[in-house]
Amino acid sequence: MENPGAPAAHAFSEADRAAVYQAIYSRRDVRGQFLPDPVADDVLGRVLLAAHHAPSVGFMQPWNFLVVRSPAVKQRVHDVFRAANAEAERLFPDEKRALYSRMKLQGILESPINLCITCDRSRSGPVVLGRMHMFSMDLYSTVCAVQNLWLAARATGLGVGWVSIFEQQALQDALGIPHDIVPIAYLCIGWVSHFNDRPELETCGWLPRLQRQAA
């Protein structure tokens, strides 16, 4: 009889473990492969529920999820992106600037769903277990929710693209978010034609993947 206290007693089955690693290794930042097909509410609800089950310091769960389907709101956000993108392009040296200008860095208008994940830094009050000395832990906790959602979406077959080229206050104003609520991630979500074998920034030569060895 298997010892329930043995180290491997709580491990997933080989097939389940392989599925977890497949989601991790095949997750991609999607920009240009979105299909116009709608995403059903129950499908979106499942990936949002996965995000809600992310770990959070002090169990404060500081995240909120703002779902954007309105073409008019998407256009406002896209305008904010365009202004920030033009500014960002000017900051790179010439050889990088040319490559930067050719890359597609968002799918705001093409994706059926946009999702803004925010962090309410006042949640649970001024004193939160585990955050007294490292106040930014609420921000990091919200990033864990982003990752949970991204992996659940990949396992479902949904593509996700993270857009971060925004001036923060302009994005808050475009979405009607109070300025004390921090936007952590603006995600483009939808069904896709395909997932790339490797990240686009790797294949286009922006940066190489750092070589890591398993311990």
N, C-alpha and C. Protein backbone atom coordinates (compact mmCIF):
# COMPACT_ATOMS: atom_id res chain seq x y z
N MET A 1 0.86 -1.20 0.00
CA MET A 1 0.00 0.00 0.00
C MET A 1 0.89 1.24 0.00
N GLU A 2 0.55 2.20 -0.83
CA GLU A 2 1.38 3.40 -0.95
C GLU A 2 1.31 4.23 0.32
N ASN A 3 2.46 4.70 0.74
CA ASN A 3 2.55 5.54 1.93
C ASN A 3 2.07 6.95 1.59
N PRO A 4 0.95 7.44 2.20
CA PRO A 4 0.46 8.78 1.85
C PRO A 4 1.41 9.89 2.24
N GLY A 5 2.40 9.58 3.08
CA GLY A 5 3.37 10.60 3.47
C GLY A 5 4.60 10.62 2.60
N ALA A 6 4.68 9.73 1.61
CA ALA A 6 5.84 9.68 0.73
C ALA A 6 5.90 10.93 -0.13
N PRO A 7 7.12 11.36 -0.53
CA PRO A 7 7.26 12.60 -1.30
C PRO A 7 6.42 12.65 -2.57
N ALA A 8 6.27 11.51 -3.26
CA ALA A 8 5.56 11.51 -4.54
C ALA A 8 4.06 11.28 -4.39
N ALA A 9 3.59 11.14 -3.17
CA ALA A 9 2.19 10.77 -2.98
C ALA A 9 1.22 11.82 -3.50
N HIS A 10 1.65 13.09 -3.53
CA HIS A 10 0.75 14.16 -3.93
C HIS A 10 1.03 14.66 -5.35
N ALA A 11 1.89 13.97 -6.07
CA ALA A 11 2.21 14.37 -7.44
C ALA A 11 1.04 14.08 -8.37
N PHE A 12 0.92 14.86 -9.44
CA PHE A 12 -0.07 14.59 -10.48
C PHE A 12 0.31 13.31 -11.22
N SER A 13 -0.66 12.75 -11.93
CA SER A 13 -0.35 11.64 -12.82
C SER A 13 0.59 12.13 -13.92
N GLU A 14 1.24 11.18 -14.59
CA GLU A 14 2.19 11.58 -15.63
C GLU A 14 1.51 12.39 -16.73
N ALA A 15 0.29 12.01 -17.11
CA ALA A 15 -0.44 12.74 -18.17
C ALA A 15 -0.82 14.14 -17.70
N ASP A 16 -1.31 14.25 -16.47
CA ASP A 16 -1.69 15.57 -15.96
C ASP A 16 -0.48 16.47 -15.82
N ARG A 17 0.62 15.92 -15.36
CA ARG A 17 1.85 16.70 -15.21
C ARG A 17 2.35 17.18 -16.58
N ALA A 18 2.27 16.30 -17.57
CA ALA A 18 2.70 16.68 -18.91
C ALA A 18 1.83 17.81 -19.46
N ALA A 19 0.53 17.80 -19.14
CA ALA A 19 -0.36 18.85 -19.62
C ALA A 19 0.00 20.20 -19.00
N VAL A 20 0.36 20.20 -17.72
CA VAL A 20 0.76 21.45 -17.07
C VAL A 20 2.01 22.02 -17.75
N TYR A 21 2.99 21.17 -17.98
CA TYR A 21 4.22 21.64 -18.62
C TYR A 21 3.97 22.06 -20.07
N GLN A 22 3.05 21.38 -20.75
CA GLN A 22 2.73 21.77 -22.13
C GLN A 22 2.15 23.17 -22.17
N ALA A 23 1.26 23.49 -21.23
CA ALA A 23 0.69 24.84 -21.18
C ALA A 23 1.78 25.88 -20.93
N ILE A 24 2.71 25.56 -20.04
CA ILE A 24 3.79 26.50 -19.73
C ILE A 24 4.69 26.73 -20.95
N TYR A 25 5.11 25.66 -21.59
CA TYR A 25 6.09 25.78 -22.67
C TYR A 25 5.48 26.26 -23.99
N SER A 26 4.18 26.08 -24.17
CA SER A 26 3.56 26.49 -25.44
C SER A 26 2.80 27.81 -25.33
N ARG A 27 2.80 28.42 -24.16
CA ARG A 27 2.16 29.73 -24.00
C ARG A 27 2.91 30.76 -24.83
N ARG A 28 2.14 31.61 -25.52
CA ARG A 28 2.76 32.63 -26.36
C ARG A 28 2.04 33.97 -26.17
N ASP A 29 2.79 35.04 -26.41
CA ASP A 29 2.21 36.38 -26.43
C ASP A 29 1.68 36.61 -27.85
N VAL A 30 0.36 36.63 -28.00
CA VAL A 30 -0.26 36.67 -29.32
C VAL A 30 -0.52 38.12 -29.73
N ARG A 31 -0.16 38.45 -30.94
CA ARG A 31 -0.38 39.81 -31.44
C ARG A 31 -1.25 39.82 -32.70
N GLY A 32 -0.91 38.97 -33.69
CA GLY A 32 -1.54 39.10 -34.99
C GLY A 32 -2.33 37.91 -35.48
N GLN A 33 -2.61 36.93 -34.63
CA GLN A 33 -3.29 35.72 -35.09
C GLN A 33 -4.74 35.62 -34.64
N PHE A 34 -5.32 36.71 -34.15
CA PHE A 34 -6.67 36.63 -33.60
C PHE A 34 -7.71 36.42 -34.68
N LEU A 35 -8.69 35.57 -34.36
CA LEU A 35 -9.84 35.34 -35.22
C LEU A 35 -11.02 36.17 -34.71
N PRO A 36 -11.98 36.50 -35.56
CA PRO A 36 -13.11 37.31 -35.12
C PRO A 36 -14.16 36.55 -34.33
N ASP A 37 -14.04 35.23 -34.23
CA ASP A 37 -15.04 34.41 -33.55
C ASP A 37 -15.23 34.85 -32.11
N PRO A 38 -16.46 34.97 -31.64
CA PRO A 38 -16.70 35.39 -30.25
C PRO A 38 -16.25 34.33 -29.25
N VAL A 39 -15.92 34.78 -28.07
CA VAL A 39 -15.57 33.89 -26.95
C VAL A 39 -16.79 33.80 -26.04
N ALA A 40 -17.29 32.60 -25.85
CA ALA A 40 -18.50 32.41 -25.04
C ALA A 40 -18.25 32.82 -23.59
N ASP A 41 -19.31 33.29 -22.95
CA ASP A 41 -19.18 33.76 -21.57
C ASP A 41 -18.71 32.66 -20.63
N ASP A 42 -19.15 31.42 -20.83
CA ASP A 42 -18.74 30.35 -19.92
C ASP A 42 -17.27 30.02 -20.09
N VAL A 43 -16.74 30.18 -21.31
CA VAL A 43 -15.31 29.94 -21.53
C VAL A 43 -14.50 31.03 -20.84
N LEU A 44 -14.90 32.27 -21.05
CA LEU A 44 -14.20 33.37 -20.38
C LEU A 44 -14.32 33.23 -18.87
N GLY A 45 -15.49 32.82 -18.40
CA GLY A 45 -15.68 32.66 -16.96
C GLY A 45 -14.73 31.65 -16.35
N ARG A 46 -14.44 30.57 -17.08
CA ARG A 46 -13.53 29.55 -16.54
C ARG A 46 -12.11 30.08 -16.38
N VAL A 47 -11.65 30.84 -17.38
CA VAL A 47 -10.27 31.34 -17.25
C VAL A 47 -10.19 32.45 -16.20
N LEU A 48 -11.26 33.23 -16.05
CA LEU A 48 -11.28 34.24 -14.98
C LEU A 48 -11.30 33.57 -13.61
N LEU A 49 -12.01 32.46 -13.49
CA LEU A 49 -12.04 31.75 -12.21
C LEU A 49 -10.65 31.22 -11.87
N ALA A 50 -9.93 30.75 -12.90
CA ALA A 50 -8.55 30.30 -12.68
C ALA A 50 -7.69 31.45 -12.18
N ALA A 51 -7.90 32.64 -12.75
CA ALA A 51 -7.14 33.81 -12.31
C ALA A 51 -7.45 34.15 -10.86
N HIS A 52 -8.70 34.02 -10.47
CA HIS A 52 -9.10 34.31 -9.09
C HIS A 52 -8.48 33.33 -8.09
N HIS A 53 -8.00 32.20 -8.56
CA HIS A 53 -7.37 31.22 -7.67
C HIS A 53 -5.86 31.37 -7.61
N ALA A 54 -5.35 32.50 -8.05
CA ALA A 54 -3.91 32.76 -7.94
C ALA A 54 -3.53 32.97 -6.47
N PRO A 55 -2.27 32.72 -6.14
CA PRO A 55 -1.81 33.03 -4.79
C PRO A 55 -1.72 34.52 -4.58
N SER A 56 -1.95 34.97 -3.35
CA SER A 56 -1.78 36.38 -3.03
C SER A 56 -1.27 36.51 -1.60
N VAL A 57 -0.34 37.43 -1.42
CA VAL A 57 0.24 37.66 -0.10
C VAL A 57 -0.85 38.11 0.87
N GLY A 58 -0.89 37.48 2.03
CA GLY A 58 -1.90 37.83 3.02
C GLY A 58 -3.31 37.49 2.59
N PHE A 59 -3.45 36.70 1.52
CA PHE A 59 -4.75 36.33 0.95
C PHE A 59 -5.60 37.57 0.67
N MET A 60 -4.92 38.65 0.26
CA MET A 60 -5.63 39.91 0.06
C MET A 60 -6.39 39.97 -1.26
N GLN A 61 -6.00 39.13 -2.26
CA GLN A 61 -6.71 39.06 -3.54
C GLN A 61 -6.99 40.47 -4.10
N PRO A 62 -5.95 41.22 -4.43
CA PRO A 62 -6.12 42.64 -4.74
C PRO A 62 -6.59 42.93 -6.15
N TRP A 63 -6.86 41.91 -6.93
CA TRP A 63 -7.15 42.10 -8.34
C TRP A 63 -8.62 42.37 -8.63
N ASN A 64 -8.85 43.07 -9.74
CA ASN A 64 -10.15 43.20 -10.38
C ASN A 64 -9.96 42.99 -11.88
N PHE A 65 -11.03 42.58 -12.56
CA PHE A 65 -10.95 42.26 -13.99
C PHE A 65 -11.99 43.09 -14.74
N LEU A 66 -11.52 43.94 -15.62
CA LEU A 66 -12.40 44.81 -16.40
C LEU A 66 -12.46 44.27 -17.83
N VAL A 67 -13.61 43.71 -18.20
CA VAL A 67 -13.78 43.12 -19.53
C VAL A 67 -14.23 44.21 -20.50
N VAL A 68 -13.53 44.30 -21.63
CA VAL A 68 -13.83 45.33 -22.64
C VAL A 68 -14.21 44.64 -23.94
N ARG A 69 -15.44 44.86 -24.37
CA ARG A 69 -15.91 44.36 -25.67
C ARG A 69 -16.30 45.51 -26.60
N SER A 70 -16.54 46.68 -26.08
CA SER A 70 -17.02 47.81 -26.86
C SER A 70 -15.97 48.28 -27.87
N PRO A 71 -16.32 48.33 -29.16
CA PRO A 71 -15.37 48.85 -30.15
C PRO A 71 -14.94 50.29 -29.85
N ALA A 72 -15.83 51.10 -29.31
CA ALA A 72 -15.48 52.49 -29.02
C ALA A 72 -14.44 52.56 -27.91
N VAL A 73 -14.60 51.74 -26.88
CA VAL A 73 -13.62 51.74 -25.79
C VAL A 73 -12.29 51.19 -26.28
N LYS A 74 -12.35 50.12 -27.07
CA LYS A 74 -11.11 49.58 -27.65
C LYS A 74 -10.38 50.65 -28.45
N GLN A 75 -11.13 51.44 -29.20
CA GLN A 75 -10.50 52.49 -30.01
C GLN A 75 -9.83 53.54 -29.13
N ARG A 76 -10.47 53.90 -28.02
CA ARG A 76 -9.84 54.85 -27.09
C ARG A 76 -8.53 54.29 -26.55
N VAL A 77 -8.56 53.01 -26.19
CA VAL A 77 -7.34 52.38 -25.67
C VAL A 77 -6.27 52.31 -26.77
N HIS A 78 -6.69 51.99 -27.97
CA HIS A 78 -5.74 51.92 -29.08
C HIS A 78 -5.09 53.27 -29.33
N ASP A 79 -5.85 54.35 -29.19
CA ASP A 79 -5.29 55.68 -29.37
C ASP A 79 -4.22 55.97 -28.31
N VAL A 80 -4.47 55.51 -27.08
CA VAL A 80 -3.49 55.67 -26.00
C VAL A 80 -2.22 54.88 -26.34
N PHE A 81 -2.42 53.65 -26.85
CA PHE A 81 -1.27 52.84 -27.27
C PHE A 81 -0.47 53.54 -28.35
N ARG A 82 -1.13 54.07 -29.37
CA ARG A 82 -0.42 54.69 -30.49
C ARG A 82 0.45 55.84 -30.02
N ALA A 83 -0.05 56.65 -29.10
CA ALA A 83 0.74 57.78 -28.61
C ALA A 83 1.97 57.28 -27.87
N ALA A 84 1.79 56.28 -26.99
CA ALA A 84 2.93 55.77 -26.24
C ALA A 84 3.90 55.02 -27.14
N ASN A 85 3.38 54.32 -28.14
CA ASN A 85 4.24 53.56 -29.04
C ASN A 85 5.14 54.47 -29.85
N ALA A 86 4.59 55.60 -30.31
CA ALA A 86 5.41 56.55 -31.06
C ALA A 86 6.52 57.13 -30.20
N GLU A 87 6.20 57.38 -28.94
CA GLU A 87 7.23 57.89 -28.02
C GLU A 87 8.29 56.83 -27.76
N ALA A 88 7.85 55.59 -27.55
CA ALA A 88 8.80 54.51 -27.26
C ALA A 88 9.74 54.28 -28.44
N GLU A 89 9.20 54.33 -29.64
CA GLU A 89 10.02 54.08 -30.83
C GLU A 89 11.19 55.05 -30.92
N ARG A 90 10.98 56.28 -30.54
CA ARG A 90 12.04 57.29 -30.62
C ARG A 90 13.17 57.04 -29.63
N LEU A 91 12.94 56.23 -28.61
CA LEU A 91 13.93 56.03 -27.57
C LEU A 91 14.98 54.99 -27.93
N PHE A 92 14.70 54.15 -28.92
CA PHE A 92 15.64 53.09 -29.27
C PHE A 92 16.71 53.61 -30.23
N PRO A 93 17.91 53.03 -30.17
CA PRO A 93 18.94 53.39 -31.15
C PRO A 93 18.50 52.99 -32.56
N ASP A 94 19.14 53.54 -33.56
CA ASP A 94 18.68 53.41 -34.94
C ASP A 94 18.42 51.97 -35.36
N GLU A 95 19.38 51.07 -35.07
CA GLU A 95 19.23 49.70 -35.56
C GLU A 95 18.04 48.99 -34.91
N LYS A 96 17.78 49.29 -33.64
CA LYS A 96 16.62 48.72 -32.95
C LYS A 96 15.33 49.42 -33.36
N ARG A 97 15.43 50.71 -33.63
CA ARG A 97 14.23 51.48 -33.98
C ARG A 97 13.59 50.96 -35.26
N ALA A 98 14.39 50.61 -36.23
CA ALA A 98 13.85 50.11 -37.49
C ALA A 98 13.10 48.80 -37.28
N LEU A 99 13.68 47.91 -36.49
CA LEU A 99 13.02 46.64 -36.20
C LEU A 99 11.76 46.87 -35.37
N TYR A 100 11.85 47.75 -34.39
CA TYR A 100 10.70 48.05 -33.54
C TYR A 100 9.52 48.53 -34.37
N SER A 101 9.78 49.39 -35.33
CA SER A 101 8.71 49.98 -36.14
C SER A 101 8.00 48.94 -37.00
N ARG A 102 8.67 47.81 -37.28
CA ARG A 102 8.07 46.77 -38.13
C ARG A 102 7.26 45.76 -37.33
N MET A 103 7.44 45.72 -36.04
CA MET A 103 6.80 44.68 -35.24
C MET A 103 5.36 45.06 -34.88
N LYS A 104 4.50 44.05 -34.87
CA LYS A 104 3.13 44.25 -34.38
C LYS A 104 3.14 43.94 -32.89
N LEU A 105 2.79 44.91 -32.09
CA LEU A 105 2.95 44.78 -30.65
C LEU A 105 1.63 44.73 -29.89
N GLN A 106 0.52 44.60 -30.59
CA GLN A 106 -0.77 44.55 -29.91
C GLN A 106 -1.84 44.04 -30.86
N GLY A 107 -2.96 43.57 -30.27
CA GLY A 107 -4.11 43.15 -31.05
C GLY A 107 -5.39 43.74 -30.47
N ILE A 108 -5.31 45.00 -30.05
CA ILE A 108 -6.41 45.63 -29.31
C ILE A 108 -7.70 45.63 -30.11
N LEU A 109 -7.64 46.02 -31.37
CA LEU A 109 -8.85 46.14 -32.18
C LEU A 109 -9.27 44.80 -32.78
N GLU A 110 -8.33 43.90 -32.99
CA GLU A 110 -8.63 42.62 -33.64
C GLU A 110 -9.20 41.58 -32.68
N SER A 111 -8.80 41.60 -31.44
CA SER A 111 -9.23 40.55 -30.50
C SER A 111 -10.66 40.80 -30.03
N PRO A 112 -11.47 39.75 -29.91
CA PRO A 112 -12.86 39.93 -29.47
C PRO A 112 -12.98 40.50 -28.07
N ILE A 113 -12.04 40.15 -27.20
CA ILE A 113 -12.10 40.59 -25.81
C ILE A 113 -10.81 41.28 -25.42
N ASN A 114 -10.91 42.43 -24.79
CA ASN A 114 -9.79 43.06 -24.09
C ASN A 114 -10.08 42.95 -22.61
N LEU A 115 -9.05 42.76 -21.83
CA LEU A 115 -9.22 42.58 -20.38
C LEU A 115 -8.16 43.38 -19.66
N CYS A 116 -8.57 44.27 -18.78
CA CYS A 116 -7.62 45.01 -17.95
C CYS A 116 -7.66 44.43 -16.55
N ILE A 117 -6.52 43.96 -16.09
CA ILE A 117 -6.39 43.43 -14.73
C ILE A 117 -5.75 44.49 -13.87
N THR A 118 -6.42 44.86 -12.80
CA THR A 118 -5.96 45.96 -11.95
C THR A 118 -5.65 45.47 -10.55
N CYS A 119 -4.97 46.33 -9.80
CA CYS A 119 -4.62 46.05 -8.41
C CYS A 119 -5.16 47.17 -7.52
N ASP A 120 -6.00 46.78 -6.57
CA ASP A 120 -6.52 47.72 -5.58
C ASP A 120 -5.60 47.66 -4.36
N ARG A 121 -4.74 48.64 -4.23
CA ARG A 121 -3.70 48.61 -3.21
C ARG A 121 -4.25 48.86 -1.81
N SER A 122 -5.51 49.26 -1.71
CA SER A 122 -6.11 49.50 -0.39
C SER A 122 -6.89 48.29 0.11
N ARG A 123 -6.96 47.25 -0.69
CA ARG A 123 -7.75 46.09 -0.28
C ARG A 123 -7.18 45.48 1.00
N SER A 124 -8.04 45.10 1.88
CA SER A 124 -7.70 44.50 3.18
C SER A 124 -7.15 45.51 4.17
N GLY A 125 -7.18 46.80 3.82
CA GLY A 125 -6.76 47.82 4.78
C GLY A 125 -5.28 48.13 4.72
N PRO A 126 -4.82 49.00 5.60
CA PRO A 126 -3.43 49.48 5.54
C PRO A 126 -2.40 48.47 6.04
N VAL A 127 -2.83 47.50 6.85
CA VAL A 127 -1.90 46.51 7.40
C VAL A 127 -2.32 45.14 6.88
N VAL A 128 -1.46 44.55 6.05
CA VAL A 128 -1.76 43.26 5.43
C VAL A 128 -0.65 42.28 5.79
N LEU A 129 -1.04 41.10 6.20
CA LEU A 129 -0.07 40.07 6.55
C LEU A 129 0.90 39.85 5.40
N GLY A 130 2.19 39.95 5.69
CA GLY A 130 3.21 39.68 4.69
C GLY A 130 3.58 40.85 3.81
N ARG A 131 2.90 42.01 4.00
CA ARG A 131 3.18 43.15 3.12
C ARG A 131 3.73 44.35 3.90
N MET A 132 3.90 44.23 5.17
CA MET A 132 4.31 45.40 5.96
C MET A 132 5.69 45.91 5.54
N HIS A 133 6.61 44.99 5.22
CA HIS A 133 7.97 45.39 4.91
C HIS A 133 8.27 45.37 3.41
N MET A 134 7.43 44.71 2.64
CA MET A 134 7.58 44.69 1.17
C MET A 134 6.23 45.07 0.59
N PHE A 135 6.00 46.38 0.50
CA PHE A 135 4.68 46.90 0.18
C PHE A 135 4.24 46.54 -1.23
N SER A 136 5.17 46.23 -2.11
CA SER A 136 4.83 45.93 -3.49
C SER A 136 4.30 44.51 -3.70
N MET A 137 4.17 43.73 -2.63
CA MET A 137 3.72 42.35 -2.79
C MET A 137 2.31 42.25 -3.35
N ASP A 138 1.48 43.27 -3.17
CA ASP A 138 0.14 43.23 -3.78
C ASP A 138 0.23 43.30 -5.30
N LEU A 139 1.19 44.07 -5.82
CA LEU A 139 1.40 44.14 -7.26
C LEU A 139 1.86 42.79 -7.81
N TYR A 140 2.81 42.18 -7.09
CA TYR A 140 3.31 40.88 -7.53
C TYR A 140 2.22 39.82 -7.46
N SER A 141 1.36 39.91 -6.45
CA SER A 141 0.26 38.95 -6.34
C SER A 141 -0.66 39.06 -7.55
N THR A 142 -0.91 40.28 -8.00
CA THR A 142 -1.78 40.47 -9.16
C THR A 142 -1.15 39.89 -10.42
N VAL A 143 0.16 39.97 -10.53
CA VAL A 143 0.84 39.35 -11.67
C VAL A 143 0.64 37.84 -11.66
N CYS A 144 0.57 37.24 -10.48
CA CYS A 144 0.28 35.81 -10.40
C CYS A 144 -1.09 35.50 -11.01
N ALA A 145 -2.06 36.39 -10.81
CA ALA A 145 -3.38 36.20 -11.42
C ALA A 145 -3.29 36.27 -12.94
N VAL A 146 -2.44 37.16 -13.45
CA VAL A 146 -2.22 37.24 -14.90
C VAL A 146 -1.70 35.91 -15.42
N GLN A 147 -0.72 35.35 -14.75
CA GLN A 147 -0.13 34.09 -15.21
C GLN A 147 -1.13 32.95 -15.14
N ASN A 148 -1.91 32.87 -14.06
CA ASN A 148 -2.93 31.83 -13.97
C ASN A 148 -3.89 31.91 -15.15
N LEU A 149 -4.34 33.14 -15.44
CA LEU A 149 -5.28 33.32 -16.54
C LEU A 149 -4.65 32.91 -17.86
N TRP A 150 -3.39 33.30 -18.07
CA TRP A 150 -2.72 33.03 -19.34
C TRP A 150 -2.57 31.53 -19.58
N LEU A 151 -2.18 30.79 -18.54
CA LEU A 151 -2.01 29.35 -18.69
C LEU A 151 -3.35 28.65 -18.89
N ALA A 152 -4.38 29.09 -18.16
CA ALA A 152 -5.71 28.51 -18.35
C ALA A 152 -6.22 28.79 -19.75
N ALA A 153 -5.97 30.00 -20.25
CA ALA A 153 -6.39 30.35 -21.60
C ALA A 153 -5.68 29.48 -22.63
N ARG A 154 -4.38 29.28 -22.46
CA ARG A 154 -3.63 28.45 -23.40
C ARG A 154 -4.15 27.02 -23.41
N ALA A 155 -4.45 26.47 -22.24
CA ALA A 155 -4.98 25.12 -22.16
C ALA A 155 -6.34 25.01 -22.84
N THR A 156 -7.07 26.13 -22.88
CA THR A 156 -8.39 26.17 -23.52
C THR A 156 -8.29 26.40 -25.02
N GLY A 157 -7.13 26.85 -25.49
CA GLY A 157 -6.95 27.17 -26.90
C GLY A 157 -7.11 28.64 -27.22
N LEU A 158 -7.24 29.47 -26.19
CA LEU A 158 -7.37 30.91 -26.38
C LEU A 158 -5.99 31.57 -26.43
N GLY A 159 -5.84 32.52 -27.32
CA GLY A 159 -4.62 33.31 -27.36
C GLY A 159 -4.74 34.52 -26.46
N VAL A 160 -3.62 34.92 -25.88
CA VAL A 160 -3.55 36.10 -25.01
C VAL A 160 -2.34 36.93 -25.41
N GLY A 161 -2.55 38.23 -25.52
CA GLY A 161 -1.44 39.15 -25.78
C GLY A 161 -1.42 40.25 -24.74
N TRP A 162 -0.27 40.45 -24.11
CA TRP A 162 -0.12 41.46 -23.06
C TRP A 162 0.41 42.75 -23.69
N VAL A 163 -0.36 43.82 -23.58
CA VAL A 163 0.04 45.13 -24.10
C VAL A 163 0.43 46.01 -22.92
N SER A 164 1.65 46.50 -22.93
CA SER A 164 2.14 47.33 -21.82
C SER A 164 2.62 48.70 -22.28
N ILE A 165 2.42 49.01 -23.55
CA ILE A 165 2.92 50.28 -24.09
C ILE A 165 1.82 51.34 -23.94
N PHE A 166 1.68 51.81 -22.72
CA PHE A 166 0.68 52.81 -22.37
C PHE A 166 1.28 53.79 -21.37
N GLU A 167 0.84 55.01 -21.42
CA GLU A 167 1.06 55.92 -20.30
C GLU A 167 -0.06 55.62 -19.30
N GLN A 168 0.33 55.34 -18.06
CA GLN A 168 -0.61 54.76 -17.09
C GLN A 168 -1.86 55.62 -16.90
N GLN A 169 -1.70 56.91 -16.67
CA GLN A 169 -2.87 57.75 -16.40
C GLN A 169 -3.77 57.85 -17.62
N ALA A 170 -3.19 57.88 -18.80
CA ALA A 170 -4.01 57.94 -20.01
C ALA A 170 -4.84 56.67 -20.16
N LEU A 171 -4.27 55.52 -19.81
CA LEU A 171 -5.03 54.27 -19.86
C LEU A 171 -6.14 54.28 -18.81
N GLN A 172 -5.82 54.74 -17.61
CA GLN A 172 -6.84 54.83 -16.57
C GLN A 172 -8.00 55.73 -17.03
N ASP A 173 -7.69 56.85 -17.64
CA ASP A 173 -8.73 57.77 -18.10
C ASP A 173 -9.56 57.15 -19.23
N ALA A 174 -8.91 56.43 -20.12
CA ALA A 174 -9.63 55.81 -21.23
C ALA A 174 -10.63 54.77 -20.76
N LEU A 175 -10.31 54.11 -19.64
CA LEU A 175 -11.17 53.05 -19.11
C LEU A 175 -12.01 53.49 -17.92
N GLY A 176 -11.85 54.74 -17.49
CA GLY A 176 -12.60 55.21 -16.34
C GLY A 176 -12.16 54.57 -15.04
N ILE A 177 -10.88 54.24 -14.94
CA ILE A 177 -10.34 53.61 -13.73
C ILE A 177 -9.85 54.70 -12.79
N PRO A 178 -10.26 54.70 -11.52
CA PRO A 178 -9.74 55.70 -10.57
C PRO A 178 -8.22 55.64 -10.51
N HIS A 179 -7.60 56.77 -10.29
CA HIS A 179 -6.14 56.84 -10.35
C HIS A 179 -5.44 56.14 -9.19
N ASP A 180 -6.19 55.77 -8.14
CA ASP A 180 -5.57 55.01 -7.06
C ASP A 180 -5.63 53.51 -7.31
N ILE A 181 -6.27 53.09 -8.40
CA ILE A 181 -6.30 51.68 -8.81
C ILE A 181 -5.26 51.50 -9.90
N VAL A 182 -4.35 50.55 -9.73
CA VAL A 182 -3.20 50.41 -10.63
C VAL A 182 -3.50 49.39 -11.73
N PRO A 183 -3.46 49.79 -13.00
CA PRO A 183 -3.59 48.79 -14.08
C PRO A 183 -2.29 48.00 -14.19
N ILE A 184 -2.40 46.69 -14.03
CA ILE A 184 -1.22 45.81 -14.06
C ILE A 184 -1.02 45.22 -15.45
N ALA A 185 -2.10 44.75 -16.07
CA ALA A 185 -1.97 44.11 -17.38
C ALA A 185 -3.17 44.45 -18.24
N TYR A 186 -2.91 44.81 -19.50
CA TYR A 186 -3.97 44.97 -20.48
C TYR A 186 -3.80 43.83 -21.48
N LEU A 187 -4.78 42.93 -21.51
CA LEU A 187 -4.67 41.70 -22.28
C LEU A 187 -5.65 41.68 -23.44
N CYS A 188 -5.19 41.20 -24.59
CA CYS A 188 -6.04 40.94 -25.74
C CYS A 188 -6.28 39.43 -25.79
N ILE A 189 -7.54 39.02 -25.89
CA ILE A 189 -7.91 37.61 -25.74
C ILE A 189 -8.84 37.19 -26.87
N GLY A 190 -8.59 36.00 -27.42
CA GLY A 190 -9.49 35.48 -28.45
C GLY A 190 -8.97 34.17 -29.02
N TRP A 191 -9.81 33.54 -29.83
CA TRP A 191 -9.37 32.36 -30.58
C TRP A 191 -8.36 32.80 -31.63
N VAL A 192 -7.46 31.92 -31.97
CA VAL A 192 -6.37 32.29 -32.88
C VAL A 192 -6.23 31.29 -34.01
N SER A 193 -5.61 31.73 -35.09
CA SER A 193 -5.36 30.83 -36.23
C SER A 193 -4.28 29.81 -35.90
N HIS A 194 -3.32 30.19 -35.08
CA HIS A 194 -2.23 29.29 -34.71
C HIS A 194 -1.44 29.92 -33.57
N PHE A 195 -0.66 29.08 -32.91
CA PHE A 195 0.32 29.54 -31.92
C PHE A 195 1.71 29.33 -32.51
N ASN A 196 2.56 30.33 -32.39
CA ASN A 196 3.91 30.21 -32.91
C ASN A 196 4.72 29.20 -32.10
N ASP A 197 5.66 28.54 -32.78
CA ASP A 197 6.51 27.57 -32.09
C ASP A 197 7.42 28.25 -31.07
N ARG A 198 7.86 29.47 -31.39
CA ARG A 198 8.74 30.22 -30.49
C ARG A 198 8.22 31.64 -30.34
N PRO A 199 8.58 32.33 -29.26
CA PRO A 199 8.14 33.72 -29.09
C PRO A 199 8.56 34.59 -30.28
N GLU A 200 7.67 35.51 -30.68
CA GLU A 200 7.96 36.36 -31.84
C GLU A 200 9.20 37.21 -31.64
N LEU A 201 9.42 37.71 -30.43
CA LEU A 201 10.59 38.56 -30.20
C LEU A 201 11.89 37.76 -30.31
N GLU A 202 11.79 36.46 -30.12
CA GLU A 202 12.97 35.61 -30.33
C GLU A 202 13.20 35.36 -31.82
N THR A 203 12.14 35.03 -32.55
CA THR A 203 12.31 34.69 -33.96
C THR A 203 12.66 35.90 -34.83
N CYS A 204 12.21 37.10 -34.42
CA CYS A 204 12.52 38.28 -35.23
C CYS A 204 13.90 38.85 -34.92
N GLY A 205 14.57 38.30 -33.90
CA GLY A 205 15.92 38.75 -33.59
C GLY A 205 16.00 39.90 -32.61
N TRP A 206 14.89 40.17 -31.88
CA TRP A 206 14.94 41.27 -30.92
C TRP A 206 15.88 40.93 -29.76
N LEU A 207 15.71 39.73 -29.20
CA LEU A 207 16.59 39.23 -28.15
C LEU A 207 16.63 37.71 -28.23
N PRO A 208 17.76 37.10 -27.86
CA PRO A 208 17.82 35.64 -27.83
C PRO A 208 17.27 35.12 -26.50
N ARG A 209 16.87 33.85 -26.51
CA ARG A 209 16.49 33.23 -25.25
C ARG A 209 17.75 32.93 -24.44
N LEU A 210 17.74 33.27 -23.17
CA LEU A 210 18.85 32.95 -22.31
C LEU A 210 18.88 31.44 -22.06
N GLN A 211 20.07 30.91 -22.10
CA GLN A 211 20.21 29.46 -21.93
C GLN A 211 20.15 29.11 -20.45
N ARG A 212 19.25 28.17 -20.13
CA ARG A 212 19.09 27.71 -18.76
C ARG A 212 19.23 26.19 -18.74
N GLN A 213 19.77 25.70 -17.65
CA GLN A 213 19.87 24.26 -17.47
C GLN A 213 19.06 23.85 -16.25
N ALA A 214 18.36 22.74 -16.40
CA ALA A 214 17.58 22.23 -15.27
C ALA A 214 18.54 21.78 -14.18
N ALA A 215 18.13 22.03 -12.94
CA ALA A 215 18.97 21.63 -11.80
C ALA A 215 18.96 20.12 -11.65
